[in-house]
Amino acid sequence: MPATAVTGVRATPAMAVAGARSTPAMADTGARATPAAIIAGVGVDLVAVDRWRRLVGGGIVRRWFDAVERDRCRAAPDPARAFAEVFAAKEAVFKALPLSGWTGAVPWRDIHIAPAGVRVDGALAAACAPAHVQVRVATTAGVAHAFAIAVSP
């Protein structure tokens, strides 16, 4: 399946939460947000960083993260936190995507989270209605928080 093009990615201001690190990322699934745009979906996820401290060495990392995400997270100052943040973002994006009739397992490696944006490809991209998706991630008190919103034209 062809990858959904990531175009029109714009940086957004960081959230002002004391002690939080915020990471913006957006995906463009072919739609353009306009004044008449409607919210097609919202996704929220919370992930305990300590849980990922126990999971980082296991096979779950290979199943849920692509090679670029794995390398970037392992190179981070706190790999468990990085994996938790990326996973929370993937969950929030999946929940926000305007999918109709999706009944299969979640193809986690079809959702790519990067500092410059999000890319959705494979069967997941084929099942999505056109939408512009933005995700924000912040970590406070050992919990990665992700919020994603999908806007349709």
Protein backbone atom coordinates (compact mmCIF):
# COMPACT_ATOMS: atom_id res chain seq x y z
CA MET A 1 0.00 0.00 0.00
CA PRO A 2 1.30 3.47 -0.76
CA ALA A 3 2.26 5.72 2.11
CA THR A 4 0.07 8.68 2.90
CA ALA A 5 1.97 11.80 1.91
CA VAL A 6 3.07 14.09 4.71
CA THR A 7 2.71 17.60 3.35
CA GLY A 8 1.93 20.92 4.93
CA VAL A 9 3.46 19.93 8.24
CA ARG A 10 3.76 22.95 10.48
CA ALA A 11 5.36 23.25 13.89
CA THR A 12 3.06 24.37 16.70
CA PRO A 13 3.95 26.12 19.96
CA ALA A 14 4.98 23.89 22.85
CA MET A 15 2.51 23.41 25.66
CA ALA A 16 3.27 25.45 28.75
CA VAL A 17 3.31 22.80 31.48
CA ALA A 18 5.90 23.18 34.19
CA GLY A 19 8.41 20.37 33.95
CA ALA A 20 6.80 18.87 30.84
CA ARG A 21 8.42 18.13 27.52
CA SER A 22 6.01 18.60 24.64
CA THR A 23 6.46 17.13 21.18
CA PRO A 24 4.34 18.32 18.25
CA ALA A 25 3.72 16.02 15.30
CA MET A 26 1.18 16.17 12.50
CA ALA A 27 0.00 13.89 9.73
CA ASP A 28 -1.59 14.95 6.52
CA THR A 29 -3.82 12.29 5.00
CA GLY A 30 -4.75 14.43 2.00
CA ALA A 31 -7.18 16.96 3.48
CA ARG A 32 -6.67 20.64 4.13
CA ALA A 33 -8.07 22.30 7.22
CA THR A 34 -10.34 25.17 6.19
CA PRO A 35 -12.67 27.47 8.11
CA ALA A 36 -15.48 25.00 7.26
CA ALA A 37 -13.47 21.97 8.44
CA ILE A 38 -15.05 19.62 10.96
CA ILE A 39 -13.51 17.51 13.70
CA ALA A 40 -13.48 13.94 12.41
CA GLY A 41 -11.96 12.36 15.48
CA VAL A 42 -10.18 12.91 18.77
CA GLY A 43 -7.80 10.52 20.49
CA VAL A 44 -6.28 10.66 23.96
CA ASP A 45 -3.87 8.24 25.59
CA LEU A 46 -1.90 8.02 28.84
CA VAL A 47 1.10 5.69 29.19
CA ALA A 48 3.07 4.96 32.37
CA VAL A 49 6.79 5.45 31.73
CA ASP A 50 7.69 2.82 34.36
CA ARG A 51 5.74 0.20 32.40
CA TRP A 52 7.98 0.88 29.38
CA ARG A 53 11.07 0.54 31.58
CA ARG A 54 10.08 -3.14 31.93
CA LEU A 55 9.15 -3.57 28.25
CA VAL A 56 12.06 -1.87 26.42
CA GLY A 57 14.17 -5.03 26.12
CA GLY A 58 11.36 -7.27 24.86
CA GLY A 59 9.89 -8.20 21.51
CA ILE A 60 7.08 -5.69 21.92
CA VAL A 61 9.45 -2.95 20.76
CA ARG A 62 10.07 -4.74 17.42
CA ARG A 63 6.34 -5.37 16.91
CA TRP A 64 5.08 -1.87 17.68
CA PHE A 65 7.87 0.50 16.53
CA ASP A 66 9.56 0.87 13.17
CA ALA A 67 13.38 0.80 12.94
CA VAL A 68 13.72 4.59 12.89
CA GLU A 69 11.52 4.99 15.97
CA ARG A 70 13.41 2.24 17.81
CA ASP A 71 16.79 3.83 17.05
CA ARG A 72 15.60 7.32 18.01
CA CYS A 73 14.04 6.12 21.29
CA ARG A 74 17.08 4.02 22.26
CA ALA A 75 19.35 7.03 21.63
CA ALA A 76 17.26 9.32 23.86
CA PRO A 77 18.56 10.27 27.33
CA ASP A 78 15.66 8.28 28.85
CA PRO A 79 14.70 5.50 26.37
CA ALA A 80 11.72 4.30 28.41
CA ARG A 81 10.24 7.79 28.41
CA ALA A 82 10.84 8.13 24.67
CA PHE A 83 9.14 4.78 23.94
CA ALA A 84 6.21 5.71 26.21
CA GLU A 85 5.78 9.05 24.43
CA VAL A 86 5.87 7.51 20.95
CA PHE A 87 3.47 4.75 21.96
CA ALA A 88 1.04 7.23 23.53
CA ALA A 89 1.17 9.27 20.31
CA LYS A 90 0.50 6.17 18.18
CA GLU A 91 -2.50 5.24 20.35
CA ALA A 92 -3.92 8.77 20.25
CA VAL A 93 -3.48 9.01 16.46
CA PHE A 94 -5.17 5.64 15.92
CA LYS A 95 -8.12 6.70 18.09
CA ALA A 96 -8.46 10.01 16.19
CA LEU A 97 -8.27 8.58 12.66
CA PRO A 98 -11.56 8.67 10.75
CA LEU A 99 -11.77 4.92 10.12
CA SER A 100 -14.89 3.16 8.99
CA GLY A 101 -15.34 -0.51 9.71
CA TRP A 102 -11.82 -1.26 10.97
CA THR A 103 -11.98 -4.68 12.60
CA GLY A 104 -8.42 -5.97 12.40
CA ALA A 105 -5.52 -5.74 14.78
CA VAL A 106 -3.92 -2.33 15.07
CA PRO A 107 -0.96 -2.15 12.65
CA TRP A 108 1.26 -0.13 15.00
CA ARG A 109 4.14 0.06 12.52
CA ASP A 110 1.82 1.74 9.97
CA ILE A 111 1.70 4.78 12.28
CA HIS A 112 5.10 6.50 12.20
CA ILE A 113 5.83 9.15 14.82
CA ALA A 114 8.75 11.49 14.14
CA PRO A 115 9.81 14.90 15.45
CA ALA A 116 8.80 16.47 12.11
CA GLY A 117 5.40 14.80 11.90
CA VAL A 118 3.32 11.68 11.64
CA ARG A 119 2.97 9.36 8.67
CA VAL A 120 0.22 6.77 8.28
CA ASP A 121 0.65 4.13 5.59
CA GLY A 122 -0.34 0.59 4.62
CA ALA A 123 -3.80 -0.81 5.16
CA LEU A 124 -4.48 1.80 7.84
CA ALA A 125 -3.95 4.68 5.40
CA ALA A 126 -6.17 2.97 2.83
CA ALA A 127 -8.99 2.69 5.40
CA CYS A 128 -8.83 6.35 6.49
CA ALA A 129 -11.06 9.11 5.25
CA PRO A 130 -9.04 12.21 4.24
CA ALA A 131 -8.05 14.13 7.37
CA HIS A 132 -5.37 16.37 8.80
CA VAL A 133 -4.15 14.88 12.10
CA GLN A 134 -2.16 16.69 14.76
CA VAL A 135 -0.80 15.05 17.90
CA ARG A 136 0.75 16.62 20.99
CA VAL A 137 2.73 14.75 23.62
CA ALA A 138 3.80 15.85 27.10
CA THR A 139 5.24 13.87 29.99
CA THR A 140 4.66 14.78 33.62
CA ALA A 141 4.97 12.78 36.84
CA GLY A 142 6.03 9.62 35.00
CA VAL A 143 3.09 9.57 32.59
CA ALA A 144 3.21 10.31 28.86
CA HIS A 145 0.08 12.16 27.75
CA ALA A 146 -0.91 12.30 24.07
CA PHE A 147 -3.77 14.18 22.43
CA ALA A 148 -4.59 13.86 18.74
CA ILE A 149 -7.23 15.56 16.65
CA ALA A 150 -8.27 14.73 13.08
CA VAL A 151 -9.89 17.45 10.99
CA SER A 152 -11.78 16.68 7.77
CA PRO A 153 -12.44 19.22 5.04
